[in-house]
N, C-alpha and C. Protein backbone atom coordinates (compact mmCIF):
# COMPACT_ATOMS: atom_id res chain seq x y z
N UNK A 1 -20.19 -24.25 15.14
CA UNK A 1 -21.08 -25.38 15.10
C UNK A 1 -22.18 -25.09 14.07
N UNK A 2 -22.33 -26.00 13.15
CA UNK A 2 -23.32 -25.84 12.11
C UNK A 2 -24.38 -26.92 12.26
N UNK A 3 -25.60 -26.50 11.99
CA UNK A 3 -26.71 -27.44 12.00
C UNK A 3 -27.15 -27.68 10.56
N UNK A 4 -27.31 -28.92 10.23
CA UNK A 4 -27.78 -29.27 8.90
C UNK A 4 -29.17 -29.86 9.00
N UNK A 5 -30.04 -29.35 8.15
CA UNK A 5 -31.39 -29.90 8.09
C UNK A 5 -31.42 -30.99 7.04
N UNK A 6 -31.94 -32.11 7.40
CA UNK A 6 -32.09 -33.21 6.45
C UNK A 6 -33.56 -33.35 6.12
N UNK A 7 -33.84 -33.31 4.84
CA UNK A 7 -35.22 -33.42 4.38
C UNK A 7 -35.40 -34.77 3.70
N UNK A 8 -36.50 -35.38 3.99
CA UNK A 8 -36.85 -36.62 3.32
C UNK A 8 -38.16 -36.38 2.59
N UNK A 9 -38.10 -36.49 1.28
CA UNK A 9 -39.31 -36.27 0.50
C UNK A 9 -40.02 -37.59 0.30
N UNK A 10 -41.30 -37.56 0.44
CA UNK A 10 -42.12 -38.75 0.25
C UNK A 10 -43.31 -38.35 -0.60
N UNK A 11 -43.45 -39.00 -1.74
CA UNK A 11 -44.57 -38.73 -2.62
C UNK A 11 -45.69 -39.70 -2.30
N UNK A 12 -46.89 -39.20 -2.21
CA UNK A 12 -48.03 -40.06 -1.90
C UNK A 12 -49.10 -39.89 -2.96
N UNK A 13 -49.76 -40.97 -3.28
CA UNK A 13 -50.87 -40.87 -4.21
C UNK A 13 -52.13 -40.49 -3.43
N UNK A 14 -53.25 -40.42 -4.12
CA UNK A 14 -54.47 -39.93 -3.47
C UNK A 14 -55.03 -40.90 -2.44
N UNK A 15 -54.50 -42.12 -2.36
CA UNK A 15 -54.95 -43.07 -1.35
C UNK A 15 -54.08 -43.02 -0.10
N UNK A 16 -53.01 -42.23 -0.13
CA UNK A 16 -52.14 -42.11 1.02
C UNK A 16 -51.00 -43.11 1.04
N UNK A 17 -50.92 -43.99 0.04
CA UNK A 17 -49.83 -44.95 -0.02
C UNK A 17 -48.62 -44.31 -0.68
N UNK A 18 -47.45 -44.71 -0.27
CA UNK A 18 -46.23 -44.20 -0.87
C UNK A 18 -46.07 -44.74 -2.28
N UNK A 19 -45.50 -43.91 -3.14
CA UNK A 19 -45.21 -44.33 -4.51
C UNK A 19 -43.90 -45.11 -4.50
N UNK A 20 -43.88 -46.21 -5.20
CA UNK A 20 -42.67 -47.02 -5.29
C UNK A 20 -41.59 -46.22 -6.03
N UNK A 21 -40.46 -45.90 -5.39
CA UNK A 21 -39.45 -45.07 -6.05
C UNK A 21 -38.80 -45.75 -7.25
N UNK A 22 -38.70 -47.07 -7.24
CA UNK A 22 -38.13 -47.77 -8.40
C UNK A 22 -39.06 -47.66 -9.60
N UNK A 23 -40.36 -47.79 -9.37
CA UNK A 23 -41.32 -47.64 -10.46
C UNK A 23 -41.34 -46.21 -10.98
N UNK A 24 -41.26 -45.22 -10.08
CA UNK A 24 -41.24 -43.82 -10.51
C UNK A 24 -40.01 -43.54 -11.35
N UNK A 25 -38.86 -44.09 -10.98
CA UNK A 25 -37.64 -43.90 -11.77
C UNK A 25 -37.78 -44.57 -13.13
N UNK A 26 -38.41 -45.76 -13.17
CA UNK A 26 -38.62 -46.44 -14.44
C UNK A 26 -39.51 -45.62 -15.36
N UNK A 27 -40.59 -45.04 -14.82
CA UNK A 27 -41.50 -44.22 -15.62
C UNK A 27 -40.77 -43.00 -16.19
N UNK A 28 -39.99 -42.33 -15.34
CA UNK A 28 -39.25 -41.15 -15.80
C UNK A 28 -38.25 -41.54 -16.89
N UNK A 29 -37.54 -42.64 -16.71
CA UNK A 29 -36.58 -43.09 -17.72
C UNK A 29 -37.29 -43.48 -19.01
N UNK A 30 -38.45 -44.13 -18.90
CA UNK A 30 -39.20 -44.54 -20.09
C UNK A 30 -39.68 -43.33 -20.88
N UNK A 31 -40.22 -42.34 -20.18
CA UNK A 31 -40.72 -41.15 -20.86
C UNK A 31 -39.58 -40.36 -21.49
N UNK A 32 -38.46 -40.26 -20.79
CA UNK A 32 -37.35 -39.48 -21.32
C UNK A 32 -36.61 -40.21 -22.44
N UNK A 33 -36.90 -41.49 -22.65
CA UNK A 33 -36.24 -42.22 -23.74
C UNK A 33 -36.78 -41.81 -25.11
N UNK A 34 -37.97 -41.22 -25.16
CA UNK A 34 -38.53 -40.75 -26.42
C UNK A 34 -37.97 -39.37 -26.75
N UNK A 35 -37.91 -39.05 -28.02
CA UNK A 35 -37.36 -37.76 -28.43
C UNK A 35 -38.38 -36.64 -28.22
N UNK A 36 -37.88 -35.42 -28.20
CA UNK A 36 -38.77 -34.26 -28.03
C UNK A 36 -39.72 -34.13 -29.22
N UNK A 37 -39.26 -34.48 -30.40
CA UNK A 37 -40.11 -34.40 -31.59
C UNK A 37 -41.32 -35.31 -31.44
N UNK A 38 -41.11 -36.50 -30.90
CA UNK A 38 -42.22 -37.43 -30.68
C UNK A 38 -43.26 -36.82 -29.76
N UNK A 39 -42.83 -36.22 -28.63
CA UNK A 39 -43.77 -35.65 -27.67
C UNK A 39 -44.48 -34.44 -28.25
N UNK A 40 -43.79 -33.65 -29.09
CA UNK A 40 -44.45 -32.52 -29.74
C UNK A 40 -45.53 -33.02 -30.69
N UNK A 41 -45.24 -34.09 -31.43
CA UNK A 41 -46.25 -34.66 -32.33
C UNK A 41 -47.44 -35.22 -31.56
N UNK A 42 -47.18 -35.89 -30.44
CA UNK A 42 -48.26 -36.46 -29.64
C UNK A 42 -49.18 -35.36 -29.09
N UNK A 43 -48.60 -34.31 -28.53
CA UNK A 43 -49.42 -33.24 -27.96
C UNK A 43 -50.12 -32.43 -29.05
N UNK A 44 -49.48 -32.26 -30.20
CA UNK A 44 -50.13 -31.55 -31.30
C UNK A 44 -51.32 -32.36 -31.83
N UNK A 45 -51.13 -33.66 -31.98
CA UNK A 45 -52.23 -34.52 -32.45
C UNK A 45 -53.38 -34.49 -31.44
N UNK A 46 -53.07 -34.56 -30.16
CA UNK A 46 -54.12 -34.49 -29.14
C UNK A 46 -54.87 -33.18 -29.17
N UNK A 47 -54.12 -32.08 -29.33
CA UNK A 47 -54.76 -30.76 -29.40
C UNK A 47 -55.67 -30.67 -30.62
N UNK A 48 -55.20 -31.17 -31.76
CA UNK A 48 -56.03 -31.12 -32.97
C UNK A 48 -57.29 -31.98 -32.82
N UNK A 49 -57.17 -33.14 -32.20
CA UNK A 49 -58.34 -34.00 -31.99
C UNK A 49 -59.37 -33.29 -31.11
N UNK A 50 -58.91 -32.65 -30.04
CA UNK A 50 -59.82 -31.93 -29.15
C UNK A 50 -60.45 -30.75 -29.87
N UNK A 51 -59.66 -30.01 -30.65
CA UNK A 51 -60.19 -28.86 -31.39
C UNK A 51 -61.22 -29.29 -32.43
N UNK A 52 -60.91 -30.32 -33.18
CA UNK A 52 -61.85 -30.81 -34.21
C UNK A 52 -63.13 -31.34 -33.55
N UNK A 53 -63.00 -32.04 -32.43
CA UNK A 53 -64.18 -32.53 -31.71
C UNK A 53 -65.05 -31.37 -31.22
N UNK A 54 -64.41 -30.33 -30.71
CA UNK A 54 -65.15 -29.16 -30.23
C UNK A 54 -65.92 -28.49 -31.36
N UNK A 55 -65.25 -28.30 -32.50
CA UNK A 55 -65.92 -27.69 -33.65
C UNK A 55 -67.04 -28.59 -34.14
N UNK A 56 -66.82 -29.88 -34.19
CA UNK A 56 -67.83 -30.83 -34.63
C UNK A 56 -69.05 -30.80 -33.71
N UNK A 57 -68.83 -30.71 -32.41
CA UNK A 57 -69.95 -30.63 -31.46
C UNK A 57 -70.72 -29.33 -31.65
N UNK A 58 -70.00 -28.24 -31.88
CA UNK A 58 -70.69 -26.96 -32.13
C UNK A 58 -71.53 -27.02 -33.38
N UNK A 59 -71.02 -27.62 -34.45
CA UNK A 59 -71.77 -27.73 -35.71
C UNK A 59 -73.01 -28.61 -35.51
N UNK A 60 -72.85 -29.72 -34.83
CA UNK A 60 -74.00 -30.61 -34.63
C UNK A 60 -75.06 -30.00 -33.71
N UNK A 61 -74.62 -29.18 -32.75
CA UNK A 61 -75.60 -28.58 -31.84
C UNK A 61 -76.41 -27.47 -32.49
N UNK A 62 -75.89 -26.86 -33.55
CA UNK A 62 -76.63 -25.79 -34.24
C UNK A 62 -77.71 -26.35 -35.13
N UNK A 63 -77.48 -27.53 -35.68
CA UNK A 63 -78.48 -28.14 -36.56
C UNK A 63 -79.61 -28.72 -35.74
N UNK A 64 -80.85 -28.38 -36.13
CA UNK A 64 -82.01 -28.90 -35.40
C UNK A 64 -83.00 -29.51 -36.34
């Protein structure tokens, strides 16, 4: 005799409401439809914007 455990996963947002599984699947499919090169370019551009902003803030804070 074997016992099988059945798990039901439920994702909840910070308000305690369940996430719509159809919407979650749509988001995953939408994100995965873009190529890896696109996502590398997006994250590289974001990193460069943050780095340039940080350096710019440091330069402006030194000038008095």
